[in-house]
Amino acid sequence: DLDGVAIHTRSDDKEIPGDQPAIVISCDSAESPVAGLYRATVQLVLSTPCLMADGLETHHSVAAILRPLLSLTGLATYSPGHLAYSGRHLTQWSESREDDRWLTTAELVIGVREI
């Protein structure tokens, strides 16, 4: 569903494209209250150039695809085989404009367990 959208992690050395939407994913913190169980704070930022033809409409379309992927079922689709998600809480979903780009920011707290 996200064909044509560059997906990066914050540790990537790749440049964010200036002419298409991009998603940057980062895990800002991870705590382990007990062995094998983690609480991770994850941030996803969808960024679309304002000057792109139909930029705002494209941005809203990609955001509409992205939001359901943040469910436990959607997250499990992209989970490494040795991890399972035990719960998630969407703590932020915001839209803004900054540096000539449309931004949608999602922040989640996710329960992760090793299997």
C-alpha atoms as a PDB file:
ATOM      1  CA  ASP A   1       0.000   0.000   0.000  1.00  0.00           C
ATOM      2  CA  LEU A   2       2.947   2.326   0.458  1.00  0.00           C
ATOM      3  CA  ASP A   3       4.497   1.909  -2.997  1.00  0.00           C
ATOM      4  CA  GLY A   4       6.394   5.037  -3.974  1.00  0.00           C
ATOM      5  CA  VAL A   5       6.885   6.109  -0.346  1.00  0.00           C
ATOM      6  CA  ALA A   6      10.479   6.037   0.888  1.00  0.00           C
ATOM      7  CA  ILE A   7      10.719   4.482   4.361  1.00  0.00           C
ATOM      8  CA  HIS A   8      13.718   5.365   6.511  1.00  0.00           C
ATOM      9  CA  THR A   9      14.874   4.809  10.043  1.00  0.00           C
ATOM     10  CA  ARG A  10      16.428   7.669  11.907  1.00  0.00           C
ATOM     11  CA  SER A  11      19.788   5.878  11.698  1.00  0.00           C
ATOM     12  CA  ASP A  12      19.701   5.674   7.871  1.00  0.00           C
ATOM     13  CA  ASP A  13      22.365   7.573   5.996  1.00  0.00           C
ATOM     14  CA  LYS A  14      20.036   7.863   2.996  1.00  0.00           C
ATOM     15  CA  GLU A  15      18.764  11.304   2.068  1.00  0.00           C
ATOM     16  CA  ILE A  16      15.031  11.929   2.371  1.00  0.00           C
ATOM     17  CA  PRO A  17      13.707  12.523  -1.156  1.00  0.00           C
ATOM     18  CA  GLY A  18      12.689  16.090  -1.900  1.00  0.00           C
ATOM     19  CA  ASP A  19      10.136  15.173  -4.545  1.00  0.00           C
ATOM     20  CA  GLN A  20       8.047  12.394  -2.960  1.00  0.00           C
ATOM     21  CA  PRO A  21       6.517  11.369   0.362  1.00  0.00           C
ATOM     22  CA  ALA A  22       8.763   9.735   2.938  1.00  0.00           C
ATOM     23  CA  ILE A  23       8.250   8.069   6.294  1.00  0.00           C
ATOM     24  CA  VAL A  24      10.892   8.261   9.024  1.00  0.00           C
ATOM     25  CA  ILE A  25      10.590   5.740  11.854  1.00  0.00           C
ATOM     26  CA  SER A  26      12.468   5.958  15.129  1.00  0.00           C
ATOM     27  CA  CYS A  27      12.381   4.183  18.463  1.00  0.00           C
ATOM     28  CA  ASP A  28      13.136   6.927  20.943  1.00  0.00           C
ATOM     29  CA  SER A  29      13.192   4.690  24.002  1.00  0.00           C
ATOM     30  CA  ALA A  30      12.795   1.081  25.050  1.00  0.00           C
ATOM     31  CA  GLU A  31      12.444  -0.109  28.616  1.00  0.00           C
ATOM     32  CA  SER A  32      12.480  -3.677  29.889  1.00  0.00           C
ATOM     33  CA  PRO A  33      10.451  -3.948  33.117  1.00  0.00           C
ATOM     34  CA  VAL A  34      10.984  -7.759  33.103  1.00  0.00           C
ATOM     35  CA  ALA A  35      13.162 -10.069  31.044  1.00  0.00           C
ATOM     36  CA  GLY A  36      11.763 -10.622  27.544  1.00  0.00           C
ATOM     37  CA  LEU A  37       9.161  -7.832  27.771  1.00  0.00           C
ATOM     38  CA  TYR A  38       9.760  -4.315  26.478  1.00  0.00           C
ATOM     39  CA  ARG A  39       7.886  -1.039  26.347  1.00  0.00           C
ATOM     40  CA  ALA A  40       9.017   0.922  23.281  1.00  0.00           C
ATOM     41  CA  THR A  41       8.156   4.487  22.328  1.00  0.00           C
ATOM     42  CA  VAL A  42       8.080   4.714  18.537  1.00  0.00           C
ATOM     43  CA  GLN A  43       7.615   7.782  16.371  1.00  0.00           C
ATOM     44  CA  LEU A  44       6.640   7.799  12.701  1.00  0.00           C
ATOM     45  CA  VAL A  45       6.780  10.994  10.668  1.00  0.00           C
ATOM     46  CA  LEU A  46       5.165  11.127   7.240  1.00  0.00           C
ATOM     47  CA  SER A  47       6.627  13.993   5.232  1.00  0.00           C
ATOM     48  CA  THR A  48       5.410  15.196   1.819  1.00  0.00           C
ATOM     49  CA  PRO A  49       6.787  18.164  -0.138  1.00  0.00           C
ATOM     50  CA  CYS A  50       4.326  21.060  -0.312  1.00  0.00           C
ATOM     51  CA  LEU A  51       5.480  21.911  -3.859  1.00  0.00           C
ATOM     52  CA  MET A  52       4.698  18.413  -5.157  1.00  0.00           C
ATOM     53  CA  ALA A  53       1.747  18.356  -7.568  1.00  0.00           C
ATOM     54  CA  ASP A  54      -1.317  17.472  -5.470  1.00  0.00           C
ATOM     55  CA  GLY A  55       0.998  17.346  -2.439  1.00  0.00           C
ATOM     56  CA  LEU A  56      -1.641  17.836   0.243  1.00  0.00           C
ATOM     57  CA  GLU A  57      -4.033  15.326  -1.341  1.00  0.00           C
ATOM     58  CA  THR A  58      -1.204  12.798  -1.728  1.00  0.00           C
ATOM     59  CA  HIS A  59      -0.173  13.391   1.878  1.00  0.00           C
ATOM     60  CA  HIS A  60      -3.708  12.794   3.161  1.00  0.00           C
ATOM     61  CA  SER A  61      -3.993   9.626   1.038  1.00  0.00           C
ATOM     62  CA  VAL A  62      -0.760   8.182   2.411  1.00  0.00           C
ATOM     63  CA  ALA A  63      -1.750   9.162   5.979  1.00  0.00           C
ATOM     64  CA  ALA A  64      -5.064   7.339   5.497  1.00  0.00           C
ATOM     65  CA  ILE A  65      -3.134   4.204   4.489  1.00  0.00           C
ATOM     66  CA  LEU A  66      -0.621   4.587   7.322  1.00  0.00           C
ATOM     67  CA  ARG A  67      -3.035   4.945  10.227  1.00  0.00           C
ATOM     68  CA  PRO A  68      -4.571   1.417  10.031  1.00  0.00           C
ATOM     69  CA  LEU A  69      -1.065  -0.037   9.742  1.00  0.00           C
ATOM     70  CA  LEU A  70      -0.442   1.226  13.278  1.00  0.00           C
ATOM     71  CA  SER A  71      -2.906  -1.305  14.703  1.00  0.00           C
ATOM     72  CA  LEU A  72      -1.564  -4.459  16.377  1.00  0.00           C
ATOM     73  CA  THR A  73      -2.487  -6.468  13.292  1.00  0.00           C
ATOM     74  CA  GLY A  74      -0.762  -3.980  10.983  1.00  0.00           C
ATOM     75  CA  LEU A  75       2.357  -3.851  13.159  1.00  0.00           C
ATOM     76  CA  ALA A  76       2.518  -7.649  13.327  1.00  0.00           C
ATOM     77  CA  THR A  77       2.754  -7.752   9.530  1.00  0.00           C
ATOM     78  CA  TYR A  78       6.166  -6.059   9.739  1.00  0.00           C
ATOM     79  CA  SER A  79       7.367  -7.736  12.933  1.00  0.00           C
ATOM     80  CA  PRO A  80      10.598  -9.749  12.993  1.00  0.00           C
ATOM     81  CA  GLY A  81       9.846 -13.427  13.597  1.00  0.00           C
ATOM     82  CA  HIS A  82      11.273 -13.476  17.125  1.00  0.00           C
ATOM     83  CA  LEU A  83       9.102 -10.593  18.396  1.00  0.00           C
ATOM     84  CA  ALA A  84       5.383 -10.244  19.084  1.00  0.00           C
ATOM     85  CA  TYR A  85       3.368  -7.181  20.033  1.00  0.00           C
ATOM     86  CA  SER A  86       1.461  -7.346  23.297  1.00  0.00           C
ATOM     87  CA  GLY A  87      -0.339  -4.028  23.068  1.00  0.00           C
ATOM     88  CA  ARG A  88      -0.093  -0.539  21.679  1.00  0.00           C
ATOM     89  CA  HIS A  89      -1.308   2.903  22.554  1.00  0.00           C
ATOM     90  CA  LEU A  90      -1.374   5.754  20.035  1.00  0.00           C
ATOM     91  CA  THR A  91      -0.312   8.761  22.115  1.00  0.00           C
ATOM     92  CA  GLN A  92      -0.111  11.342  19.321  1.00  0.00           C
ATOM     93  CA  TRP A  93      -1.457  11.885  15.813  1.00  0.00           C
ATOM     94  CA  SER A  94      -0.830  15.396  14.558  1.00  0.00           C
ATOM     95  CA  GLU A  95      -0.608  17.241  11.268  1.00  0.00           C
ATOM     96  CA  SER A  96       1.465  20.321  10.535  1.00  0.00           C
ATOM     97  CA  ARG A  97       3.493  22.142   7.914  1.00  0.00           C
ATOM     98  CA  GLU A  98       7.188  22.833   8.364  1.00  0.00           C
ATOM     99  CA  ASP A  99      10.080  23.647   6.009  1.00  0.00           C
ATOM    100  CA  ASP A 100       7.818  23.413   2.934  1.00  0.00           C
ATOM    101  CA  ARG A 101       6.673  19.887   3.818  1.00  0.00           C
ATOM    102  CA  TRP A 102       3.349  18.533   5.062  1.00  0.00           C
ATOM    103  CA  LEU A 103       3.932  16.446   8.192  1.00  0.00           C
ATOM    104  CA  THR A 104       1.888  13.842   9.990  1.00  0.00           C
ATOM    105  CA  THR A 105       3.433  12.638  13.237  1.00  0.00           C
ATOM    106  CA  ALA A 106       2.339   9.497  15.046  1.00  0.00           C
ATOM    107  CA  GLU A 107       3.754   8.390  18.370  1.00  0.00           C
ATOM    108  CA  LEU A 108       3.004   4.996  19.857  1.00  0.00           C
ATOM    109  CA  VAL A 109       3.877   3.133  23.008  1.00  0.00           C
ATOM    110  CA  ILE A 110       4.168  -0.538  22.081  1.00  0.00           C
ATOM    111  CA  GLY A 111       4.454  -3.623  24.275  1.00  0.00           C
ATOM    112  CA  VAL A 112       6.929  -6.018  22.682  1.00  0.00           C
ATOM    113  CA  ARG A 113       7.787  -9.531  23.837  1.00  0.00           C
ATOM    114  CA  GLU A 114      10.345 -12.014  22.675  1.00  0.00           C
ATOM    115  CA  ILE A 115       8.963 -15.349  21.473  1.00  0.00           C
END
